[in-house]
Protein backbone atom coordinates (compact mmCIF):
# COMPACT_ATOMS: atom_id res chain seq x y z
CA MET A 1 0.00 0.00 0.00
CA LYS A 2 1.35 3.42 -0.96
CA ILE A 3 1.42 5.87 1.93
CA ARG A 4 0.20 9.35 1.10
CA VAL A 5 2.77 11.42 2.96
CA VAL A 6 1.09 14.84 3.04
CA PRO A 7 -2.30 13.68 4.45
CA MET A 8 -0.50 11.45 6.95
CA LEU A 9 1.66 14.34 8.17
CA LEU A 10 -1.38 16.63 8.48
CA ILE A 11 -3.25 14.08 10.60
CA LEU A 12 -0.19 13.46 12.79
CA ALA A 13 0.21 17.22 13.26
CA VAL A 14 -3.41 17.58 14.37
CA VAL A 15 -3.03 14.66 16.80
CA VAL A 16 0.21 16.00 18.31
CA VAL A 17 -1.09 19.57 18.70
CA ALA A 18 -4.41 18.44 20.20
CA VAL A 19 -2.68 16.11 22.68
CA ARG A 20 -0.27 18.86 23.75
CA LEU A 21 -3.11 21.34 24.20
CA GLY A 22 -4.95 18.78 26.31
CA PHE A 23 -1.93 18.38 28.58
CA TRP A 24 -1.60 22.17 28.80
CA GLN A 25 -5.22 22.46 29.97
CA ARG A 26 -4.58 19.66 32.47
CA ASP A 27 -1.58 21.55 33.88
CA ARG A 28 -3.66 24.73 34.11
CA ALA A 29 -6.32 22.80 36.02
CA HIS A 30 -3.71 21.51 38.48
CA GLN A 31 -2.41 25.06 39.00
CA LYS A 32 -5.92 26.32 39.70
CA GLU A 33 -6.58 23.45 42.12
CA ALA A 34 -3.46 24.47 44.03
CA LEU A 35 -4.71 28.08 44.07
CA GLN A 36 -8.14 26.96 45.29
CA ALA A 37 -6.47 25.07 48.15
CA GLN A 38 -4.53 28.22 49.04
CA ILE A 39 -7.72 30.31 48.98
CA THR A 40 -9.38 27.89 51.40
CA GLN A 41 -6.33 28.05 53.65
CA PHE A 42 -6.24 31.87 53.54
CA GLU A 43 -9.92 32.13 54.49
CA HIS A 44 -9.24 30.41 57.81
CA ALA A 45 -6.01 32.25 58.64
CA SER A 46 -5.63 35.22 60.98
CA PRO A 47 -6.29 38.54 59.21
CA GLN A 48 -3.27 40.52 58.06
CA PRO A 49 -3.29 44.23 59.03
CA VAL A 50 -3.59 46.80 56.24
CA GLY A 51 -1.85 50.15 56.69
CA ALA A 52 -0.32 52.92 54.63
CA THR A 53 2.52 50.73 53.35
CA PRO A 54 1.52 49.42 49.91
CA LEU A 55 0.88 45.67 49.81
CA PRO A 56 1.49 44.10 46.37
CA LEU A 57 -1.64 42.49 44.99
CA ASN A 58 0.10 39.22 44.15
CA THR A 59 1.12 38.74 47.79
CA ILE A 60 -2.17 39.69 49.45
CA GLU A 61 -5.00 38.64 47.10
CA PHE A 62 -7.48 36.20 48.68
CA HIS A 63 -5.91 36.68 52.13
CA ARG A 64 -8.00 37.69 55.12
CA VAL A 65 -7.14 41.27 56.07
CA SER A 66 -8.16 43.81 58.69
CA ALA A 67 -8.20 47.58 58.43
CA THR A 68 -9.04 50.29 60.96
CA GLY A 69 -10.07 53.72 59.78
CA THR A 70 -12.92 56.05 58.82
CA PHE A 71 -15.20 55.60 55.83
CA MET A 72 -15.48 58.39 53.24
CA PRO A 73 -19.16 58.19 52.18
CA ASP A 74 -18.94 61.24 49.89
CA LEU A 75 -16.75 59.18 47.55
CA ALA A 76 -18.94 56.07 47.55
CA VAL A 77 -19.50 54.27 44.24
CA TYR A 78 -22.45 51.95 43.54
CA LEU A 79 -21.74 49.07 41.19
CA ASP A 80 -24.87 48.26 39.21
CA ASN A 81 -26.31 44.92 38.06
CA ARG A 82 -25.05 42.84 40.98
CA MET A 83 -27.35 39.93 41.76
CA HIS A 84 -28.33 38.39 45.08
CA ASP A 85 -31.00 35.67 45.25
CA ASP A 86 -31.97 36.52 41.64
CA GLN A 87 -32.64 40.15 42.61
CA PRO A 88 -30.67 43.00 40.98
CA GLY A 89 -28.91 45.52 43.15
CA PHE A 90 -25.73 47.44 43.87
CA TYR A 91 -22.41 46.78 45.55
CA VAL A 92 -21.52 49.69 47.83
CA VAL A 93 -17.81 50.46 47.38
CA MET A 94 -16.31 53.14 49.57
CA PRO A 95 -12.79 54.37 50.37
CA MET A 96 -11.55 54.19 53.95
CA ARG A 97 -9.04 56.61 55.44
CA LEU A 98 -6.82 54.35 57.52
CA ALA A 99 -5.72 55.25 61.02
CA ASP A 100 -2.09 55.62 59.93
CA GLY A 101 -2.91 57.82 56.94
CA GLY A 102 -3.25 55.28 54.12
CA TYR A 103 -6.35 54.53 52.07
CA VAL A 104 -8.08 51.38 50.88
CA LEU A 105 -11.31 50.64 49.02
CA VAL A 106 -13.90 48.54 50.84
CA ASN A 107 -16.72 46.63 49.16
CA ARG A 108 -19.16 47.01 52.05
CA GLY A 109 -21.97 44.84 50.73
CA TRP A 110 -25.07 44.58 48.55
CA LEU A 111 -28.20 46.74 48.35
CA PRO A 112 -31.41 45.90 46.44
CA ARG A 113 -32.32 48.07 43.47
CA SER A 114 -35.66 49.84 43.26
CA VAL A 115 -37.99 48.49 40.57
CA ALA A 116 -39.62 51.90 40.11
CA ASP A 117 -36.37 53.90 39.91
CA ARG A 118 -33.20 52.03 39.03
CA THR A 119 -31.05 54.99 40.13
CA ALA A 120 -32.54 55.15 43.63
CA ILE A 121 -30.17 53.98 46.39
CA ALA A 122 -31.83 52.17 49.28
CA PRO A 123 -30.99 53.57 52.73
CA TYR A 124 -28.04 52.12 54.63
CA SER A 125 -25.92 53.39 57.50
CA THR A 126 -22.25 54.36 57.61
CA PRO A 127 -20.40 54.78 60.91
CA ALA A 128 -19.11 58.32 61.39
CA GLY A 129 -16.02 57.42 63.41
CA PRO A 130 -13.21 54.91 63.26
CA VAL A 131 -14.24 51.31 62.66
CA GLU A 132 -12.45 48.01 62.12
CA VAL A 133 -13.24 46.09 58.95
CA ILE A 134 -12.30 42.47 58.35
CA GLY A 135 -12.58 40.91 54.94
CA ILE A 136 -10.89 39.31 51.95
CA ALA A 137 -8.42 41.15 49.72
CA ARG A 138 -9.62 41.01 46.11
CA ALA A 139 -8.20 42.45 42.90
CA ASP A 140 -11.44 44.38 42.32
CA ALA A 141 -14.96 44.70 43.62
CA SER A 142 -16.21 42.11 41.07
CA ARG A 143 -16.57 42.71 37.36
CA ALA A 144 -19.77 42.71 35.33
CA PHE A 145 -20.08 42.57 31.56
CA GLU A 146 -20.29 45.93 29.81
CA LEU A 147 -20.08 47.19 26.24
CA GLY A 148 -17.30 49.76 26.06
CA ALA A 149 -16.42 51.83 29.12
CA GLY A 150 -19.37 54.25 29.17
CA GLY A 151 -20.92 52.56 32.17
CA SER A 152 -17.72 52.99 34.17
CA ALA A 153 -16.88 56.60 33.30
CA PRO A 154 -15.22 58.64 36.07
CA HIS A 155 -17.15 60.83 38.54
CA GLN A 156 -20.35 58.79 38.34
CA LYS A 157 -21.95 57.50 41.52
CA ILE A 158 -23.51 54.50 39.75
CA ARG A 159 -21.13 52.52 37.57
CA GLN A 160 -20.82 49.10 36.02
CA ASN A 161 -17.25 48.41 37.12
CA LEU A 162 -14.52 50.10 39.12
CA ASP A 163 -10.80 49.85 38.44
CA VAL A 164 -8.71 50.52 41.55
CA ALA A 165 -5.85 52.29 39.78
CA ALA A 166 -8.22 54.43 37.70
CA TYR A 167 -10.22 55.38 40.79
CA ALA A 168 -7.02 56.29 42.65
CA ALA A 169 -6.08 58.62 39.78
CA GLU A 170 -9.61 60.04 39.70
CA THR A 171 -9.73 60.85 43.42
CA GLY A 172 -6.04 61.49 44.07
CA LEU A 173 -6.09 58.98 46.94
CA PRO A 174 -3.00 56.74 47.38
CA LEU A 175 -5.07 53.58 47.51
CA GLN A 176 -3.89 50.09 48.22
CA PRO A 177 -3.96 48.09 44.93
CA PHE A 178 -6.84 45.90 46.08
CA VAL A 179 -10.38 46.02 47.46
CA ILE A 180 -11.39 44.62 50.84
CA GLN A 181 -14.50 42.49 50.45
CA GLN A 182 -15.99 43.07 53.89
CA THR A 183 -17.08 39.98 55.79
CA SER A 184 -17.36 41.46 59.29
CA PRO A 185 -20.82 42.77 60.27
CA GLY A 186 -21.26 46.52 59.98
CA ASN A 187 -22.92 48.34 62.86
CA GLY A 188 -23.67 45.03 64.53
CA GLY A 189 -25.17 43.73 61.32
CA LEU A 190 -27.73 46.56 61.21
CA ASP A 191 -26.26 48.77 58.49
CA GLY A 192 -28.72 47.47 55.87
CA LEU A 193 -26.09 45.78 53.68
CA VAL A 194 -25.99 42.11 52.65
CA ARG A 195 -22.61 40.34 52.75
CA ASP A 196 -23.51 36.92 51.40
CA TRP A 197 -20.56 36.84 49.02
CA PRO A 198 -20.28 34.21 46.27
CA ALA A 199 -17.36 31.88 46.85
CA PRO A 200 -14.32 32.68 44.68
CA THR A 201 -13.99 30.20 41.85
CA THR A 202 -10.96 29.47 39.67
CA GLY A 203 -12.86 27.85 36.79
CA VAL A 204 -10.97 24.55 37.05
CA GLU A 205 -13.97 22.68 35.61
CA ARG A 206 -13.58 24.55 32.31
CA ASN A 207 -9.95 23.50 32.04
CA TYR A 208 -10.83 19.84 32.51
CA GLY A 209 -13.60 20.23 29.97
CA TYR A 210 -11.21 21.76 27.43
CA MET A 211 -8.69 18.98 28.20
CA PHE A 212 -11.18 16.26 27.27
CA GLN A 213 -12.25 18.23 24.20
CA TRP A 214 -8.69 18.44 22.88
CA TRP A 215 -8.01 14.80 23.60
CA GLY A 216 -11.30 13.91 21.92
CA ILE A 217 -10.19 15.86 18.84
CA ALA A 218 -6.88 13.96 18.88
CA ALA A 219 -8.68 10.61 19.12
CA ALA A 220 -11.09 11.59 16.35
CA ALA A 221 -8.24 12.67 14.06
CA PHE A 222 -6.34 9.46 14.76
CA GLY A 223 -9.47 7.38 14.11
CA PHE A 224 -10.17 9.25 10.89
CA GLY A 225 -6.59 8.61 9.77
CA LEU A 226 -6.95 4.88 10.38
CA TYR A 227 -10.31 4.80 8.61
CA ALA A 228 -8.93 6.70 5.62
CA ALA A 229 -5.89 4.40 5.47
CA ARG A 230 -8.07 1.28 5.53
CA ARG A 231 -10.31 2.64 2.77
CA ALA A 232 -7.27 3.51 0.68
CA ALA A 233 -5.87 0.00 1.23
CA ALA A 234 -9.20 -1.59 0.28
CA LYS A 235 -9.39 0.48 -2.91
CA GLU A 236 -5.82 -0.48 -3.74
CA ARG A 237 -6.60 -4.19 -3.29
CA VAL A 238 -9.65 -3.90 -5.55
CA SER A 239 -7.59 -2.07 -8.17
CA VAL A 240 -4.86 -4.72 -8.06
CA ALA A 241 -7.45 -7.53 -8.30
CA LYS A 242 -9.00 -5.92 -11.38
CA LYS A 243 -5.63 -5.64 -13.06
CA ASP A 244 -4.83 -9.31 -12.33
CA ALA A 245 -8.22 -10.48 -13.58
């Protein structure tokens, strides 16, 4: 049987690339599983204090942290289209002036949105004096899908998303490069805000799904190559038999 080199090489290339991509997705899944284990460990550790000294995001993200200072309600931002129990609402994000002079953004919790007026902010309370906040350091206050950046333009109270660095430039505050997702109760749990945060996910299931998809493609390409080779061999045998007849 004559081997058709070009088709064979193309099929082998598809198989090799698909197998390698499957292993790459498997390695990514293992990395995310290790990160998920770290997140679980961080959630049960003692909170790390936050002060004026900048804490790099890559060393503090997902750690429990504590901060003592005074909220700045005049600079509050309300992140729209945040869901809780299938009800739309806002995340209340507010800078805190720390006791030692630094600043950090705090995602204080969720408020329901008015059906009659989507721009109306439900009442909630903010302590006037110093308060201690305990929470989880996150890269941002959650991100929601938006078309363009119009919904997150500066100097708007209601926005779709909030970038820490952009907000620091907007306000002139030397903010820490992360947001504290508050888990401690505010005002004894009577400030009107909901802090039933969704658990952080790394998306490891998607990586395993992609892994099996790539390996399935490799198996399908290999099977197609065998099928095509067998058909070519059968045709060759028929052709030889006709010539000998």
